[in-house]
Amino acid sequence: MKKILPFTILSIVLMSRCSYNPVADFTSSTNLAEPHEIIYFDNNSSGATNYFWDFGDGYTSTDFSPQHSYSEEGTYTITLTAKYHENASDVAHLNVDIYYTSLEVTVAEWNPNLSLDNLILNANVTLYATYDDWYNYRYPIDTRITNSTGVAVFPHVEPTVYYIDIDHPYYNNNTLGQEDISYIETLSLDKSMINSFTAWVDHIKSSSQQQNKVRIPYIINGGKRAFKRVDVTK
């Protein structure tokens, strides 16, 4: 017994020293989310007995793998402190970006070069969920008016596809939208991004023509969409 006692004591000391060196580590279900969207955190720490989470917005948690959501837009730093009792600790950090999905529609008169030579101000821009809804003017989702730069901004929209109708006394996209669906159909919007779309319109001779809201059937083709996304986190 006396011969193996020093080895036993040494083993306990080495094990204790290893336990005093926790390593904090974690991942998140996403690093780009919308306000009120739940984010799940996976704790991958080792050698720790308790944990303290600081979500960067005034809220904290001591759960092993918590979940959290943010009410305001911005960039937040999540900090995990992994402790071995009160003897040692380690810290890990991770940033998440919280932004609403938005859509900016620029209305311009169509031309062969697809250049923004004639921006259309004070035009009603309406979003529809399907082509059939667009064609029949039913179930509009939202309507905005283009500003002094010909842009209508739709904040807080769902990250999906939209069909865009333009209503103006002297311009519309009835014919263009039926000849080529890409003139009215966005790509699926990127979540938590500023998505931009150019809606081309034709000039009509008089406001009386605009009173007739019945669309005439055309063959629907698909072309290149004037669509882009902007990463708001950069």
C-alpha atoms as a PDB file:
ATOM      1  CA  MET A   1       0.000   0.000   0.000  1.00  0.00           C
ATOM      2  CA  LYS A   2       2.797   2.435   0.846  1.00  0.00           C
ATOM      3  CA  LYS A   3       4.413   1.891  -2.545  1.00  0.00           C
ATOM      4  CA  ILE A   4       1.379   2.860  -4.611  1.00  0.00           C
ATOM      5  CA  LEU A   5       0.171   5.755  -2.420  1.00  0.00           C
ATOM      6  CA  PRO A   6       2.394   8.449  -4.049  1.00  0.00           C
ATOM      7  CA  PHE A   7       1.133   7.406  -7.486  1.00  0.00           C
ATOM      8  CA  THR A   8      -2.486   7.592  -6.328  1.00  0.00           C
ATOM      9  CA  ILE A   9      -1.996  11.057  -4.895  1.00  0.00           C
ATOM     10  CA  LEU A  10      -0.244  12.228  -8.067  1.00  0.00           C
ATOM     11  CA  SER A  11      -3.117  10.906 -10.208  1.00  0.00           C
ATOM     12  CA  ILE A  12      -5.686  12.812  -8.158  1.00  0.00           C
ATOM     13  CA  VAL A  13      -3.652  16.011  -8.474  1.00  0.00           C
ATOM     14  CA  LEU A  14      -3.349  15.644 -12.243  1.00  0.00           C
ATOM     15  CA  MET A  15      -7.065  14.949 -12.610  1.00  0.00           C
ATOM     16  CA  SER A  16      -7.890  17.988 -10.494  1.00  0.00           C
ATOM     17  CA  ARG A  17      -5.643  20.213 -12.572  1.00  0.00           C
ATOM     18  CA  CYS A  18      -7.320  19.054 -15.771  1.00  0.00           C
ATOM     19  CA  SER A  19     -10.746  19.760 -14.305  1.00  0.00           C
ATOM     20  CA  TYR A  20      -9.672  23.302 -13.447  1.00  0.00           C
ATOM     21  CA  ASN A  21      -9.259  24.202 -17.123  1.00  0.00           C
ATOM     22  CA  PRO A  22     -12.706  24.441 -18.746  1.00  0.00           C
ATOM     23  CA  VAL A  23     -13.035  25.291 -22.423  1.00  0.00           C
ATOM     24  CA  ALA A  24     -16.003  27.428 -23.509  1.00  0.00           C
ATOM     25  CA  ASP A  25     -17.403  26.719 -26.950  1.00  0.00           C
ATOM     26  CA  PHE A  26     -20.832  27.008 -28.573  1.00  0.00           C
ATOM     27  CA  THR A  27     -22.652  27.364 -31.884  1.00  0.00           C
ATOM     28  CA  SER A  28     -25.956  28.960 -32.896  1.00  0.00           C
ATOM     29  CA  SER A  29     -28.738  27.710 -35.174  1.00  0.00           C
ATOM     30  CA  THR A  30     -28.243  30.860 -37.292  1.00  0.00           C
ATOM     31  CA  ASN A  31     -26.195  34.052 -37.217  1.00  0.00           C
ATOM     32  CA  LEU A  32     -28.711  35.999 -39.331  1.00  0.00           C
ATOM     33  CA  ALA A  33     -32.299  36.249 -38.099  1.00  0.00           C
ATOM     34  CA  GLU A  34     -35.303  38.534 -37.917  1.00  0.00           C
ATOM     35  CA  PRO A  35     -36.598  40.223 -34.757  1.00  0.00           C
ATOM     36  CA  HIS A  36     -38.580  37.779 -32.571  1.00  0.00           C
ATOM     37  CA  GLU A  37     -37.163  34.756 -34.400  1.00  0.00           C
ATOM     38  CA  ILE A  38     -35.943  32.125 -31.923  1.00  0.00           C
ATOM     39  CA  ILE A  39     -32.223  31.285 -32.079  1.00  0.00           C
ATOM     40  CA  TYR A  40     -31.016  28.033 -30.514  1.00  0.00           C
ATOM     41  CA  PHE A  41     -27.571  27.798 -28.924  1.00  0.00           C
ATOM     42  CA  ASP A  42     -25.694  24.506 -28.708  1.00  0.00           C
ATOM     43  CA  ASN A  43     -23.214  24.333 -25.821  1.00  0.00           C
ATOM     44  CA  ASN A  44     -20.048  22.427 -26.806  1.00  0.00           C
ATOM     45  CA  SER A  45     -17.995  23.397 -23.740  1.00  0.00           C
ATOM     46  CA  SER A  46     -15.897  20.911 -21.792  1.00  0.00           C
ATOM     47  CA  GLY A  47     -14.541  20.678 -18.270  1.00  0.00           C
ATOM     48  CA  ALA A  48     -17.109  23.063 -16.809  1.00  0.00           C
ATOM     49  CA  THR A  49     -19.711  22.711 -14.050  1.00  0.00           C
ATOM     50  CA  ASN A  50     -21.841  25.827 -14.664  1.00  0.00           C
ATOM     51  CA  TYR A  51     -22.502  28.291 -17.442  1.00  0.00           C
ATOM     52  CA  PHE A  52     -23.480  31.933 -17.788  1.00  0.00           C
ATOM     53  CA  TRP A  53     -24.866  33.368 -21.032  1.00  0.00           C
ATOM     54  CA  ASP A  54     -25.010  37.059 -21.868  1.00  0.00           C
ATOM     55  CA  PHE A  55     -27.050  37.681 -25.019  1.00  0.00           C
ATOM     56  CA  GLY A  56     -25.905  41.272 -25.491  1.00  0.00           C
ATOM     57  CA  ASP A  57     -29.357  42.830 -25.148  1.00  0.00           C
ATOM     58  CA  GLY A  58     -29.647  42.882 -21.360  1.00  0.00           C
ATOM     59  CA  TYR A  59     -30.872  39.291 -21.035  1.00  0.00           C
ATOM     60  CA  THR A  60     -28.878  36.405 -19.530  1.00  0.00           C
ATOM     61  CA  SER A  61     -29.293  32.689 -18.867  1.00  0.00           C
ATOM     62  CA  THR A  62     -27.671  29.876 -16.869  1.00  0.00           C
ATOM     63  CA  ASP A  63     -29.178  27.063 -18.963  1.00  0.00           C
ATOM     64  CA  PHE A  64     -26.810  24.579 -20.552  1.00  0.00           C
ATOM     65  CA  SER A  65     -28.084  25.184 -24.120  1.00  0.00           C
ATOM     66  CA  PRO A  66     -30.572  28.075 -24.096  1.00  0.00           C
ATOM     67  CA  GLN A  67     -32.683  29.707 -26.778  1.00  0.00           C
ATOM     68  CA  HIS A  68     -33.240  33.417 -27.270  1.00  0.00           C
ATOM     69  CA  SER A  69     -34.881  35.986 -29.550  1.00  0.00           C
ATOM     70  CA  TYR A  70     -34.248  39.687 -30.101  1.00  0.00           C
ATOM     71  CA  SER A  71     -36.894  42.400 -30.344  1.00  0.00           C
ATOM     72  CA  GLU A  72     -34.789  45.054 -32.086  1.00  0.00           C
ATOM     73  CA  GLU A  73     -32.620  45.132 -35.193  1.00  0.00           C
ATOM     74  CA  GLY A  74     -28.846  45.264 -34.803  1.00  0.00           C
ATOM     75  CA  THR A  75     -25.718  43.183 -34.265  1.00  0.00           C
ATOM     76  CA  TYR A  76     -25.455  41.416 -30.914  1.00  0.00           C
ATOM     77  CA  THR A  77     -22.520  39.664 -29.253  1.00  0.00           C
ATOM     78  CA  ILE A  78     -23.373  36.523 -27.293  1.00  0.00           C
ATOM     79  CA  THR A  79     -20.899  35.671 -24.543  1.00  0.00           C
ATOM     80  CA  LEU A  80     -20.691  32.266 -22.854  1.00  0.00           C
ATOM     81  CA  THR A  81     -18.679  31.951 -19.629  1.00  0.00           C
ATOM     82  CA  ALA A  82     -17.961  28.331 -18.745  1.00  0.00           C
ATOM     83  CA  LYS A  83     -16.791  27.785 -15.140  1.00  0.00           C
ATOM     84  CA  TYR A  84     -15.391  24.929 -13.088  1.00  0.00           C
ATOM     85  CA  HIS A  85     -16.996  25.801  -9.762  1.00  0.00           C
ATOM     86  CA  GLU A  86     -15.357  29.120  -8.850  1.00  0.00           C
ATOM     87  CA  ASN A  87     -11.781  28.048  -9.517  1.00  0.00           C
ATOM     88  CA  ALA A  88     -11.382  28.589 -13.270  1.00  0.00           C
ATOM     89  CA  SER A  89     -13.346  29.840 -16.257  1.00  0.00           C
ATOM     90  CA  ASP A  90     -13.188  30.343 -20.003  1.00  0.00           C
ATOM     91  CA  VAL A  91     -15.118  32.670 -22.300  1.00  0.00           C
ATOM     92  CA  ALA A  92     -16.422  32.278 -25.882  1.00  0.00           C
ATOM     93  CA  HIS A  93     -18.066  34.909 -28.101  1.00  0.00           C
ATOM     94  CA  LEU A  94     -20.303  34.852 -31.187  1.00  0.00           C
ATOM     95  CA  ASN A  95     -22.060  37.629 -33.145  1.00  0.00           C
ATOM     96  CA  VAL A  96     -25.567  37.453 -34.594  1.00  0.00           C
ATOM     97  CA  ASP A  97     -27.190  39.969 -36.941  1.00  0.00           C
ATOM     98  CA  ILE A  98     -30.881  40.758 -36.470  1.00  0.00           C
ATOM     99  CA  TYR A  99     -32.662  42.482 -39.355  1.00  0.00           C
ATOM    100  CA  TYR A 100     -36.100  42.487 -40.935  1.00  0.00           C
ATOM    101  CA  THR A 101     -36.578  41.307 -44.510  1.00  0.00           C
ATOM    102  CA  SER A 102     -37.473  44.252 -46.738  1.00  0.00           C
ATOM    103  CA  LEU A 103     -38.214  44.875 -50.401  1.00  0.00           C
ATOM    104  CA  GLU A 104     -37.392  48.040 -52.359  1.00  0.00           C
ATOM    105  CA  VAL A 105     -39.214  48.380 -55.694  1.00  0.00           C
ATOM    106  CA  THR A 106     -37.913  50.876 -58.256  1.00  0.00           C
ATOM    107  CA  VAL A 107     -40.472  51.795 -60.932  1.00  0.00           C
ATOM    108  CA  ALA A 108     -39.100  52.881 -64.310  1.00  0.00           C
ATOM    109  CA  GLU A 109     -40.372  53.162 -67.878  1.00  0.00           C
ATOM    110  CA  TRP A 110     -39.277  50.212 -69.991  1.00  0.00           C
ATOM    111  CA  ASN A 111     -36.658  50.815 -72.707  1.00  0.00           C
ATOM    112  CA  PRO A 112     -34.556  48.432 -74.834  1.00  0.00           C
ATOM    113  CA  ASN A 113     -31.436  49.115 -72.779  1.00  0.00           C
ATOM    114  CA  LEU A 114     -33.274  48.597 -69.467  1.00  0.00           C
ATOM    115  CA  SER A 115     -31.712  51.789 -68.198  1.00  0.00           C
ATOM    116  CA  LEU A 116     -33.280  53.849 -65.439  1.00  0.00           C
ATOM    117  CA  ASP A 117     -33.825  56.914 -67.612  1.00  0.00           C
ATOM    118  CA  ASN A 118     -37.389  57.677 -66.563  1.00  0.00           C
ATOM    119  CA  LEU A 119     -38.257  56.926 -62.952  1.00  0.00           C
ATOM    120  CA  ILE A 120     -41.971  56.984 -62.146  1.00  0.00           C
ATOM    121  CA  LEU A 121     -42.938  59.015 -59.076  1.00  0.00           C
ATOM    122  CA  ASN A 122     -46.175  58.766 -57.087  1.00  0.00           C
ATOM    123  CA  ALA A 123     -47.046  55.351 -58.496  1.00  0.00           C
ATOM    124  CA  ASN A 124     -49.017  52.837 -56.440  1.00  0.00           C
ATOM    125  CA  VAL A 125     -47.011  49.640 -56.032  1.00  0.00           C
ATOM    126  CA  THR A 126     -48.966  46.600 -54.824  1.00  0.00           C
ATOM    127  CA  LEU A 127     -47.655  43.185 -53.787  1.00  0.00           C
ATOM    128  CA  TYR A 128     -49.523  39.954 -54.516  1.00  0.00           C
ATOM    129  CA  ALA A 129     -48.732  36.429 -53.359  1.00  0.00           C
ATOM    130  CA  THR A 130     -49.490  34.649 -56.669  1.00  0.00           C
ATOM    131  CA  TYR A 131     -49.694  35.404 -60.367  1.00  0.00           C
ATOM    132  CA  ASP A 132     -53.422  34.658 -60.360  1.00  0.00           C
ATOM    133  CA  ASP A 133     -53.938  37.208 -57.601  1.00  0.00           C
ATOM    134  CA  TRP A 134     -51.915  39.742 -59.586  1.00  0.00           C
ATOM    135  CA  TYR A 135     -53.877  38.994 -62.767  1.00  0.00           C
ATOM    136  CA  ASN A 136     -57.262  39.323 -61.044  1.00  0.00           C
ATOM    137  CA  TYR A 137     -56.373  42.203 -58.682  1.00  0.00           C
ATOM    138  CA  ARG A 138     -57.403  40.165 -55.641  1.00  0.00           C
ATOM    139  CA  TYR A 139     -55.981  39.689 -52.138  1.00  0.00           C
ATOM    140  CA  PRO A 140     -53.369  42.472 -52.221  1.00  0.00           C
ATOM    141  CA  ILE A 141     -50.762  42.131 -49.487  1.00  0.00           C
ATOM    142  CA  ASP A 142     -49.593  45.721 -49.244  1.00  0.00           C
ATOM    143  CA  THR A 143     -49.502  48.926 -51.295  1.00  0.00           C
ATOM    144  CA  ARG A 144     -46.864  51.660 -51.161  1.00  0.00           C
ATOM    145  CA  ILE A 145     -46.270  54.825 -53.206  1.00  0.00           C
ATOM    146  CA  THR A 146     -42.997  55.543 -55.000  1.00  0.00           C
ATOM    147  CA  ASN A 147     -41.029  58.449 -53.557  1.00  0.00           C
ATOM    148  CA  SER A 148     -39.029  61.213 -55.244  1.00  0.00           C
ATOM    149  CA  THR A 149     -36.506  58.656 -56.500  1.00  0.00           C
ATOM    150  CA  GLY A 150     -39.121  56.281 -57.917  1.00  0.00           C
ATOM    151  CA  VAL A 151     -38.747  53.766 -55.087  1.00  0.00           C
ATOM    152  CA  ALA A 152     -41.432  52.148 -52.939  1.00  0.00           C
ATOM    153  CA  VAL A 153     -40.167  50.497 -49.754  1.00  0.00           C
ATOM    154  CA  PHE A 154     -41.897  47.497 -48.161  1.00  0.00           C
ATOM    155  CA  PRO A 155     -40.458  46.850 -44.687  1.00  0.00           C
ATOM    156  CA  HIS A 156     -41.039  43.716 -42.617  1.00  0.00           C
ATOM    157  CA  VAL A 157     -42.146  41.409 -45.446  1.00  0.00           C
ATOM    158  CA  GLU A 158     -41.970  37.629 -45.571  1.00  0.00           C
ATOM    159  CA  PRO A 159     -38.961  36.068 -47.340  1.00  0.00           C
ATOM    160  CA  THR A 160     -40.926  34.681 -50.280  1.00  0.00           C
ATOM    161  CA  VAL A 161     -41.856  35.439 -53.920  1.00  0.00           C
ATOM    162  CA  TYR A 162     -44.041  38.448 -54.759  1.00  0.00           C
ATOM    163  CA  TYR A 163     -45.898  39.639 -57.858  1.00  0.00           C
ATOM    164  CA  ILE A 164     -45.857  43.397 -58.350  1.00  0.00           C
ATOM    165  CA  ASP A 165     -48.558  45.584 -59.857  1.00  0.00           C
ATOM    166  CA  ILE A 166     -48.009  49.233 -60.805  1.00  0.00           C
ATOM    167  CA  ASP A 167     -50.905  51.677 -60.900  1.00  0.00           C
ATOM    168  CA  HIS A 168     -50.353  55.218 -62.218  1.00  0.00           C
ATOM    169  CA  PRO A 169     -52.480  57.617 -64.328  1.00  0.00           C
ATOM    170  CA  TYR A 170     -50.088  57.263 -67.266  1.00  0.00           C
ATOM    171  CA  TYR A 171     -48.115  54.062 -66.635  1.00  0.00           C
ATOM    172  CA  ASN A 172     -48.777  50.435 -65.798  1.00  0.00           C
ATOM    173  CA  ASN A 173     -47.184  46.993 -66.171  1.00  0.00           C
ATOM    174  CA  ASN A 174     -50.241  45.091 -67.418  1.00  0.00           C
ATOM    175  CA  THR A 175     -48.835  44.194 -70.834  1.00  0.00           C
ATOM    176  CA  LEU A 176     -45.239  43.695 -69.716  1.00  0.00           C
ATOM    177  CA  GLY A 177     -46.276  41.416 -66.858  1.00  0.00           C
ATOM    178  CA  GLN A 178     -48.329  39.199 -69.142  1.00  0.00           C
ATOM    179  CA  GLU A 179     -45.719  39.045 -71.887  1.00  0.00           C
ATOM    180  CA  ASP A 180     -42.862  38.177 -69.514  1.00  0.00           C
ATOM    181  CA  ILE A 181     -43.512  37.137 -65.935  1.00  0.00           C
ATOM    182  CA  SER A 182     -39.999  38.149 -64.907  1.00  0.00           C
ATOM    183  CA  TYR A 183     -41.082  41.797 -65.163  1.00  0.00           C
ATOM    184  CA  ILE A 184     -43.464  41.353 -62.229  1.00  0.00           C
ATOM    185  CA  GLU A 185     -42.204  38.310 -60.312  1.00  0.00           C
ATOM    186  CA  THR A 186     -39.423  38.682 -57.759  1.00  0.00           C
ATOM    187  CA  LEU A 187     -37.084  35.915 -56.780  1.00  0.00           C
ATOM    188  CA  SER A 188     -37.662  34.495 -53.333  1.00  0.00           C
ATOM    189  CA  LEU A 189     -36.522  37.255 -50.992  1.00  0.00           C
ATOM    190  CA  ASP A 190     -33.491  36.608 -48.834  1.00  0.00           C
ATOM    191  CA  LYS A 191     -34.352  36.679 -45.156  1.00  0.00           C
ATOM    192  CA  SER A 192     -32.941  39.570 -43.132  1.00  0.00           C
ATOM    193  CA  MET A 193     -31.771  41.315 -46.297  1.00  0.00           C
ATOM    194  CA  ILE A 194     -32.701  44.441 -48.246  1.00  0.00           C
ATOM    195  CA  ASN A 195     -34.017  42.983 -51.506  1.00  0.00           C
ATOM    196  CA  SER A 196     -34.284  45.263 -54.565  1.00  0.00           C
ATOM    197  CA  PHE A 197     -36.469  44.819 -57.642  1.00  0.00           C
ATOM    198  CA  THR A 198     -36.983  46.985 -60.748  1.00  0.00           C
ATOM    199  CA  ALA A 199     -40.584  47.049 -61.970  1.00  0.00           C
ATOM    200  CA  TRP A 200     -40.754  48.166 -65.607  1.00  0.00           C
ATOM    201  CA  VAL A 201     -43.856  49.927 -66.913  1.00  0.00           C
ATOM    202  CA  ASP A 202     -45.293  51.025 -70.247  1.00  0.00           C
ATOM    203  CA  HIS A 203     -46.592  54.504 -71.003  1.00  0.00           C
ATOM    204  CA  ILE A 204     -50.325  54.684 -71.708  1.00  0.00           C
ATOM    205  CA  LYS A 205     -51.931  57.456 -73.733  1.00  0.00           C
ATOM    206  CA  SER A 206     -54.481  58.734 -71.231  1.00  0.00           C
ATOM    207  CA  SER A 207     -55.733  58.227 -67.722  1.00  0.00           C
ATOM    208  CA  SER A 208     -59.013  56.896 -69.144  1.00  0.00           C
ATOM    209  CA  GLN A 209     -57.158  53.819 -70.332  1.00  0.00           C
ATOM    210  CA  GLN A 210     -56.085  53.147 -66.771  1.00  0.00           C
ATOM    211  CA  GLN A 211     -59.706  52.911 -65.661  1.00  0.00           C
ATOM    212  CA  ASN A 212     -60.047  49.582 -67.456  1.00  0.00           C
ATOM    213  CA  LYS A 213     -58.383  47.232 -64.993  1.00  0.00           C
ATOM    214  CA  VAL A 214     -59.153  44.018 -66.881  1.00  0.00           C
ATOM    215  CA  ARG A 215     -55.995  42.346 -68.109  1.00  0.00           C
ATOM    216  CA  ILE A 216     -55.931  40.733 -71.550  1.00  0.00           C
ATOM    217  CA  PRO A 217     -54.479  37.186 -71.574  1.00  0.00           C
ATOM    218  CA  TYR A 218     -50.990  36.787 -73.009  1.00  0.00           C
ATOM    219  CA  ILE A 219     -48.537  33.922 -73.249  1.00  0.00           C
ATOM    220  CA  ILE A 220     -46.337  33.986 -70.169  1.00  0.00           C
ATOM    221  CA  ASN A 221     -42.619  33.768 -70.791  1.00  0.00           C
ATOM    222  CA  GLY A 222     -39.713  33.827 -68.391  1.00  0.00           C
ATOM    223  CA  GLY A 223     -36.718  36.129 -68.697  1.00  0.00           C
ATOM    224  CA  LYS A 224     -34.009  37.737 -66.642  1.00  0.00           C
ATOM    225  CA  ARG A 225     -35.285  39.504 -63.553  1.00  0.00           C
ATOM    226  CA  ALA A 226     -34.000  42.933 -62.564  1.00  0.00           C
ATOM    227  CA  PHE A 227     -33.456  41.727 -59.031  1.00  0.00           C
ATOM    228  CA  LYS A 228     -30.683  42.015 -56.480  1.00  0.00           C
ATOM    229  CA  ARG A 229     -30.060  41.500 -52.796  1.00  0.00           C
ATOM    230  CA  VAL A 230     -28.097  43.682 -50.391  1.00  0.00           C
ATOM    231  CA  ASP A 231     -26.392  42.236 -47.334  1.00  0.00           C
ATOM    232  CA  VAL A 232     -27.347  44.697 -44.598  1.00  0.00           C
ATOM    233  CA  THR A 233     -24.738  43.290 -42.222  1.00  0.00           C
ATOM    234  CA  LYS A 234     -21.797  44.670 -44.242  1.00  0.00           C
END
